Amino acid sequence: MADESERRSILAANAIQLRGTRTQLFHLADDDRIHHPFHLHGHRFSVNALDQQHQPPQEPQDKLPS
C-alpha cells in the first residue's frame, strides 16, 4: 500500500488533471515527489521536466574542466 506522501502526490496530480490551473502547476513543480505527466489547457506537462533546472546534469558535459 502506498505511504501517505505518495498517496497525496497522486491525489495532487489528479487534482491538476481536473482543475488545470497555472497556480497549481507551478506549486507542484516545487514538489519533487510528483512525477506524473498531466495536461494543462490541452498541453502535456511533466513536473519532472519543469523541475530539471534544480537537478544535476544527467551526463557529464564535454566543456567542463577535468
PDB file of N, CA and C in Angstrom:
ATOM      1  N   MET A   1       0.852  -1.204   0.000  1.00  0.00           N
ATOM      2  CA  MET A   1       0.000   0.000   0.000  1.00  0.00           C
ATOM      3  C   MET A   1       0.883   1.248   0.000  1.00  0.00           C
ATOM      4  N   ALA A   2       0.476   2.250  -0.744  1.00  0.00           N
ATOM      5  CA  ALA A   2       1.271   3.476  -0.858  1.00  0.00           C
ATOM      6  C   ALA A   2       1.316   4.205   0.480  1.00  0.00           C
ATOM      7  N   ASP A   3       2.472   4.809   0.767  1.00  0.00           N
ATOM      8  CA  ASP A   3       2.558   5.598   2.004  1.00  0.00           C
ATOM      9  C   ASP A   3       1.819   6.925   1.823  1.00  0.00           C
ATOM     10  N   GLU A   4       1.683   7.669   2.918  1.00  0.00           N
ATOM     11  CA  GLU A   4       0.850   8.877   2.901  1.00  0.00           C
ATOM     12  C   GLU A   4       1.350   9.922   1.903  1.00  0.00           C
ATOM     13  N   SER A   5       2.664  10.151   1.845  1.00  0.00           N
ATOM     14  CA  SER A   5       3.174  11.180   0.939  1.00  0.00           C
ATOM     15  C   SER A   5       2.953  10.787  -0.526  1.00  0.00           C
ATOM     16  N   GLU A   6       3.115   9.499  -0.822  1.00  0.00           N
ATOM     17  CA  GLU A   6       2.887   9.052  -2.201  1.00  0.00           C
ATOM     18  C   GLU A   6       1.404   9.172  -2.564  1.00  0.00           C
ATOM     19  N   ARG A   7       0.550   8.833  -1.622  1.00  0.00           N
ATOM     20  CA  ARG A   7      -0.887   8.944  -1.861  1.00  0.00           C
ATOM     21  C   ARG A   7      -1.280  10.401  -2.118  1.00  0.00           C
ATOM     22  N   ARG A   8      -0.730  11.303  -1.313  1.00  0.00           N
ATOM     23  CA  ARG A   8      -1.046  12.720  -1.505  1.00  0.00           C
ATOM     24  C   ARG A   8      -0.503  13.218  -2.839  1.00  0.00           C
ATOM     25  N   SER A   9       0.661  12.732  -3.257  1.00  0.00           N
ATOM     26  CA  SER A   9       1.230  13.139  -4.540  1.00  0.00           C
ATOM     27  C   SER A   9       0.326  12.720  -5.692  1.00  0.00           C
ATOM     28  N   ILE A  10      -0.183  11.500  -5.612  1.00  0.00           N
ATOM     29  CA  ILE A  10      -1.069  11.010  -6.662  1.00  0.00           C
ATOM     30  C   ILE A  10      -2.360  11.821  -6.679  1.00  0.00           C
ATOM     31  N   LEU A  11      -2.902  12.092  -5.502  1.00  0.00           N
ATOM     32  CA  LEU A  11      -4.127  12.896  -5.435  1.00  0.00           C
ATOM     33  C   LEU A  11      -3.889  14.303  -5.973  1.00  0.00           C
ATOM     34  N   ALA A  12      -2.749  14.883  -5.663  1.00  0.00           N
ATOM     35  CA  ALA A  12      -2.436  16.228  -6.148  1.00  0.00           C
ATOM     36  C   ALA A  12      -2.311  16.236  -7.671  1.00  0.00           C
ATOM     37  N   ALA A  13      -1.653  15.224  -8.223  1.00  0.00           N
ATOM     38  CA  ALA A  13      -1.524  15.141  -9.681  1.00  0.00           C
ATOM     39  C   ALA A  13      -2.887  14.966 -10.331  1.00  0.00           C
ATOM     40  N   ASN A  14      -3.757  14.184  -9.695  1.00  0.00           N
ATOM     41  CA  ASN A  14      -5.113  14.019 -10.222  1.00  0.00           C
ATOM     42  C   ASN A  14      -5.886  15.330 -10.161  1.00  0.00           C
ATOM     43  N   ALA A  15      -5.682  16.093  -9.103  1.00  0.00           N
ATOM     44  CA  ALA A  15      -6.354  17.387  -8.977  1.00  0.00           C
ATOM     45  C   ALA A  15      -5.921  18.325 -10.104  1.00  0.00           C
ATOM     46  N   ILE A  16      -4.658  18.275 -10.479  1.00  0.00           N
ATOM     47  CA  ILE A  16      -4.166  19.080 -11.599  1.00  0.00           C
ATOM     48  C   ILE A  16      -4.889  18.690 -12.884  1.00  0.00           C
ATOM     49  N   GLN A  17      -5.059  17.386 -13.104  1.00  0.00           N
ATOM     50  CA  GLN A  17      -5.752  16.949 -14.319  1.00  0.00           C
ATOM     51  C   GLN A  17      -7.175  17.492 -14.354  1.00  0.00           C
ATOM     52  N   LEU A  18      -7.822  17.567 -13.208  1.00  0.00           N
ATOM     53  CA  LEU A  18      -9.209  18.022 -13.158  1.00  0.00           C
ATOM     54  C   LEU A  18      -9.316  19.539 -13.261  1.00  0.00           C
ATOM     55  N   ARG A  19      -8.445  20.259 -12.591  1.00  0.00           N
ATOM     56  CA  ARG A  19      -8.593  21.715 -12.500  1.00  0.00           C
ATOM     57  C   ARG A  19      -7.738  22.446 -13.531  1.00  0.00           C
ATOM     58  N   GLY A  20      -6.482  22.000 -13.690  1.00  0.00           N
ATOM     59  CA  GLY A  20      -5.629  22.552 -14.735  1.00  0.00           C
ATOM     60  C   GLY A  20      -5.327  24.036 -14.587  1.00  0.00           C
ATOM     61  N   THR A  21      -4.986  24.500 -13.401  1.00  0.00           N
ATOM     62  CA  THR A  21      -4.645  25.914 -13.252  1.00  0.00           C
ATOM     63  C   THR A  21      -3.134  26.095 -13.198  1.00  0.00           C
ATOM     64  N   ARG A  22      -2.671  27.226 -13.693  1.00  0.00           N
ATOM     65  CA  ARG A  22      -1.236  27.501 -13.684  1.00  0.00           C
ATOM     66  C   ARG A  22      -0.694  27.603 -12.264  1.00  0.00           C
ATOM     67  N   THR A  23      -1.485  28.141 -11.355  1.00  0.00           N
ATOM     68  CA  THR A  23      -1.023  28.283  -9.971  1.00  0.00           C
ATOM     69  C   THR A  23      -0.671  26.930  -9.392  1.00  0.00           C
ATOM     70  N   GLN A  24      -1.530  25.952  -9.592  1.00  0.00           N
ATOM     71  CA  GLN A  24      -1.257  24.617  -9.075  1.00  0.00           C
ATOM     72  C   GLN A  24      -0.075  23.985  -9.796  1.00  0.00           C
ATOM     73  N   LEU A  25       0.035  24.251 -11.102  1.00  0.00           N
ATOM     74  CA  LEU A  25       1.153  23.704 -11.865  1.00  0.00           C
ATOM     75  C   LEU A  25       2.488  24.112 -11.250  1.00  0.00           C
ATOM     76  N   PHE A  26       2.670  25.397 -11.007  1.00  0.00           N
ATOM     77  CA  PHE A  26       3.955  25.855 -10.510  1.00  0.00           C
ATOM     78  C   PHE A  26       4.134  25.549  -9.031  1.00  0.00           C
ATOM     79  N   HIS A  27       3.030  25.448  -8.282  1.00  0.00           N
ATOM     80  CA  HIS A  27       3.132  24.992  -6.887  1.00  0.00           C
ATOM     81  C   HIS A  27       3.647  23.568  -6.839  1.00  0.00           C
ATOM     82  N   LEU A  28       3.117  22.711  -7.691  1.00  0.00           N
ATOM     83  CA  LEU A  28       3.529  21.314  -7.688  1.00  0.00           C
ATOM     84  C   LEU A  28       4.912  21.119  -8.299  1.00  0.00           C
ATOM     85  N   ALA A  29       5.337  22.048  -9.159  1.00  0.00           N
ATOM     86  CA  ALA A  29       6.670  21.929  -9.748  1.00  0.00           C
ATOM     87  C   ALA A  29       7.747  21.992  -8.667  1.00  0.00           C
ATOM     88  N   ASP A  30       7.427  22.597  -7.510  1.00  0.00           N
ATOM     89  CA  ASP A  30       8.379  22.662  -6.405  1.00  0.00           C
ATOM     90  C   ASP A  30       8.403  21.385  -5.584  1.00  0.00           C
ATOM     91  N   ASP A  31       7.485  20.462  -5.836  1.00  0.00           N
ATOM     92  CA  ASP A  31       7.385  19.231  -5.059  1.00  0.00           C
ATOM     93  C   ASP A  31       7.975  18.089  -5.876  1.00  0.00           C
ATOM     94  N   ASP A  32       9.198  17.672  -5.536  1.00  0.00           N
ATOM     95  CA  ASP A  32       9.892  16.677  -6.352  1.00  0.00           C
ATOM     96  C   ASP A  32       9.346  15.270  -6.170  1.00  0.00           C
ATOM     97  N   ARG A  33       8.329  15.089  -5.324  1.00  0.00           N
ATOM     98  CA  ARG A  33       7.746  13.752  -5.165  1.00  0.00           C
ATOM     99  C   ARG A  33       6.794  13.426  -6.298  1.00  0.00           C
ATOM    100  N   ILE A  34       6.361  14.438  -7.055  1.00  0.00           N
ATOM    101  CA  ILE A  34       5.331  14.223  -8.073  1.00  0.00           C
ATOM    102  C   ILE A  34       6.001  14.058  -9.430  1.00  0.00           C
ATOM    103  N   HIS A  35       5.778  12.909 -10.061  1.00  0.00           N
ATOM    104  CA  HIS A  35       6.428  12.606 -11.331  1.00  0.00           C
ATOM    105  C   HIS A  35       5.396  12.256 -12.407  1.00  0.00           C
ATOM    106  N   HIS A  36       4.125  12.557 -12.141  1.00  0.00           N
ATOM    107  CA  HIS A  36       3.080  12.145 -13.068  1.00  0.00           C
ATOM    108  C   HIS A  36       2.915  13.186 -14.170  1.00  0.00           C
ATOM    109  N   PRO A  37       2.909  12.761 -15.441  1.00  0.00           N
ATOM    110  CA  PRO A  37       2.573  13.698 -16.510  1.00  0.00           C
ATOM    111  C   PRO A  37       1.094  14.063 -16.421  1.00  0.00           C
ATOM    112  N   PHE A  38       0.754  15.255 -16.806  1.00  0.00           N
ATOM    113  CA  PHE A  38      -0.636  15.689 -16.770  1.00  0.00           C
ATOM    114  C   PHE A  38      -0.859  16.731 -17.858  1.00  0.00           C
ATOM    115  N   HIS A  39      -2.114  17.107 -18.060  1.00  0.00           N
ATOM    116  CA  HIS A  39      -2.464  18.035 -19.128  1.00  0.00           C
ATOM    117  C   HIS A  39      -2.914  19.366 -18.546  1.00  0.00           C
ATOM    118  N   LEU A  40      -2.509  20.454 -19.197  1.00  0.00           N
ATOM    119  CA  LEU A  40      -2.921  21.796 -18.790  1.00  0.00           C
ATOM    120  C   LEU A  40      -3.310  22.559 -20.049  1.00  0.00           C
ATOM    121  N   HIS A  41      -4.586  22.910 -20.165  1.00  0.00           N
ATOM    122  CA  HIS A  41      -5.088  23.640 -21.325  1.00  0.00           C
ATOM    123  C   HIS A  41      -4.700  22.943 -22.635  1.00  0.00           C
ATOM    124  N   GLY A  42      -4.783  21.622 -22.630  1.00  0.00           N
ATOM    125  CA  GLY A  42      -4.528  20.849 -23.841  1.00  0.00           C
ATOM    126  C   GLY A  42      -3.065  20.567 -24.124  1.00  0.00           C
ATOM    127  N   HIS A  43      -2.162  21.039 -23.263  1.00  0.00           N
ATOM    128  CA  HIS A  43      -0.738  20.789 -23.465  1.00  0.00           C
ATOM    129  C   HIS A  43      -0.263  19.800 -22.415  1.00  0.00           C
ATOM    130  N   ARG A  44       0.647  18.913 -22.800  1.00  0.00           N
ATOM    131  CA  ARG A  44       1.132  17.893 -21.881  1.00  0.00           C
ATOM    132  C   ARG A  44       2.356  18.436 -21.137  1.00  0.00           C
ATOM    133  N   PHE A  45       2.339  18.316 -19.801  1.00  0.00           N
ATOM    134  CA  PHE A  45       3.449  18.766 -18.969  1.00  0.00           C
ATOM    135  C   PHE A  45       3.918  17.606 -18.106  1.00  0.00           C
ATOM    136  N   SER A  46       5.167  17.620 -17.759  1.00  0.00           N
ATOM    137  CA  SER A  46       5.695  16.701 -16.749  1.00  0.00           C
ATOM    138  C   SER A  46       6.376  17.552 -15.697  1.00  0.00           C
ATOM    139  N   VAL A  47       6.019  17.334 -14.446  1.00  0.00           N
ATOM    140  CA  VAL A  47       6.626  18.132 -13.379  1.00  0.00           C
ATOM    141  C   VAL A  47       8.129  17.873 -13.334  1.00  0.00           C
ATOM    142  N   ASN A  48       8.546  16.630 -13.632  1.00  0.00           N
ATOM    143  CA  ASN A  48       9.974  16.346 -13.687  1.00  0.00           C
ATOM    144  C   ASN A  48      10.676  17.254 -14.690  1.00  0.00           C
ATOM    145  N   ALA A  49      10.085  17.425 -15.860  1.00  0.00           N
ATOM    146  CA  ALA A  49      10.700  18.267 -16.891  1.00  0.00           C
ATOM    147  C   ALA A  49      10.772  19.721 -16.430  1.00  0.00           C
ATOM    148  N   LEU A  50       9.733  20.178 -15.734  1.00  0.00           N
ATOM    149  CA  LEU A  50       9.742  21.556 -15.262  1.00  0.00           C
ATOM    150  C   LEU A  50      10.774  21.775 -14.165  1.00  0.00           C
ATOM    151  N   ASP A  51      11.093  20.713 -13.436  1.00  0.00           N
ATOM    152  CA  ASP A  51      11.976  20.831 -12.278  1.00  0.00           C
ATOM    153  C   ASP A  51      13.429  20.492 -12.614  1.00  0.00           C
ATOM    154  N   GLN A  52      13.739  20.248 -13.903  1.00  0.00           N
ATOM    155  CA  GLN A  52      15.093  19.814 -14.250  1.00  0.00           C
ATOM    156  C   GLN A  52      16.150  20.863 -13.962  1.00  0.00           C
ATOM    157  N   GLN A  53      15.780  22.143 -13.922  1.00  0.00           N
ATOM    158  CA  GLN A  53      16.785  23.159 -13.649  1.00  0.00           C
ATOM    159  C   GLN A  53      17.362  23.024 -12.241  1.00  0.00           C
ATOM    160  N   HIS A  54      16.669  22.290 -11.363  1.00  0.00           N
ATOM    161  CA  HIS A  54      17.157  22.088  -9.999  1.00  0.00           C
ATOM    162  C   HIS A  54      17.959  20.797  -9.855  1.00  0.00           C
ATOM    163  N   GLN A  55      18.065  20.022 -10.930  1.00  0.00           N
ATOM    164  CA  GLN A  55      18.727  18.720 -10.866  1.00  0.00           C
ATOM    165  C   GLN A  55      20.123  18.823 -11.486  1.00  0.00           C
ATOM    166  N   PRO A  56      21.076  18.015 -11.011  1.00  0.00           N
ATOM    167  CA  PRO A  56      22.390  17.964 -11.663  1.00  0.00           C
ATOM    168  C   PRO A  56      22.258  17.354 -13.060  1.00  0.00           C
ATOM    169  N   PRO A  57      23.183  17.674 -13.962  1.00  0.00           N
ATOM    170  CA  PRO A  57      23.103  17.115 -15.315  1.00  0.00           C
ATOM    171  C   PRO A  57      23.152  15.594 -15.286  1.00  0.00           C
ATOM    172  N   GLN A  58      22.422  14.964 -16.183  1.00  0.00           N
ATOM    173  CA  GLN A  58      22.392  13.502 -16.251  1.00  0.00           C
ATOM    174  C   GLN A  58      23.712  12.947 -16.795  1.00  0.00           C
ATOM    175  N   GLU A  59      24.305  13.647 -17.755  1.00  0.00           N
ATOM    176  CA  GLU A  59      25.550  13.193 -18.371  1.00  0.00           C
ATOM    177  C   GLU A  59      26.620  14.268 -18.210  1.00  0.00           C
ATOM    178  N   PRO A  60      27.883  13.874 -18.115  1.00  0.00           N
ATOM    179  CA  PRO A  60      28.950  14.879 -17.986  1.00  0.00           C
ATOM    180  C   PRO A  60      29.017  15.763 -19.230  1.00  0.00           C
ATOM    181  N   GLN A  61      29.326  17.018 -19.012  1.00  0.00           N
ATOM    182  CA  GLN A  61      29.444  17.960 -20.129  1.00  0.00           C
ATOM    183  C   GLN A  61      30.884  17.949 -20.647  1.00  0.00           C
ATOM    184  N   ASP A  62      31.037  18.030 -21.972  1.00  0.00           N
ATOM    185  CA  ASP A  62      32.372  17.967 -22.582  1.00  0.00           C
ATOM    186  C   ASP A  62      33.234  19.172 -22.212  1.00  0.00           C
ATOM    187  N   LYS A  63      32.610  20.320 -21.975  1.00  0.00           N
ATOM    188  CA  LYS A  63      33.381  21.547 -21.792  1.00  0.00           C
ATOM    189  C   LYS A  63      33.728  21.826 -20.330  1.00  0.00           C
ATOM    190  N   LEU A  64      33.320  20.930 -19.418  1.00  0.00           N
ATOM    191  CA  LEU A  64      33.685  21.135 -18.016  1.00  0.00           C
ATOM    192  C   LEU A  64      35.171  20.857 -17.808  1.00  0.00           C
ATOM    193  N   PRO A  65      35.851  21.648 -16.975  1.00  0.00           N
ATOM    194  CA  PRO A  65      37.259  21.341 -16.682  1.00  0.00           C
ATOM    195  C   PRO A  65      37.390  20.002 -15.960  1.00  0.00           C
ATOM    196  N   SER A  66      38.449  19.257 -16.266  1.00  0.00           N
ATOM    197  CA  SER A  66      38.594  17.930 -15.669  1.00  0.00           C
ATOM    198  C   SER A  66      39.494  17.973 -14.449  1.00  0.00           C
TER     199      SER A  66
END
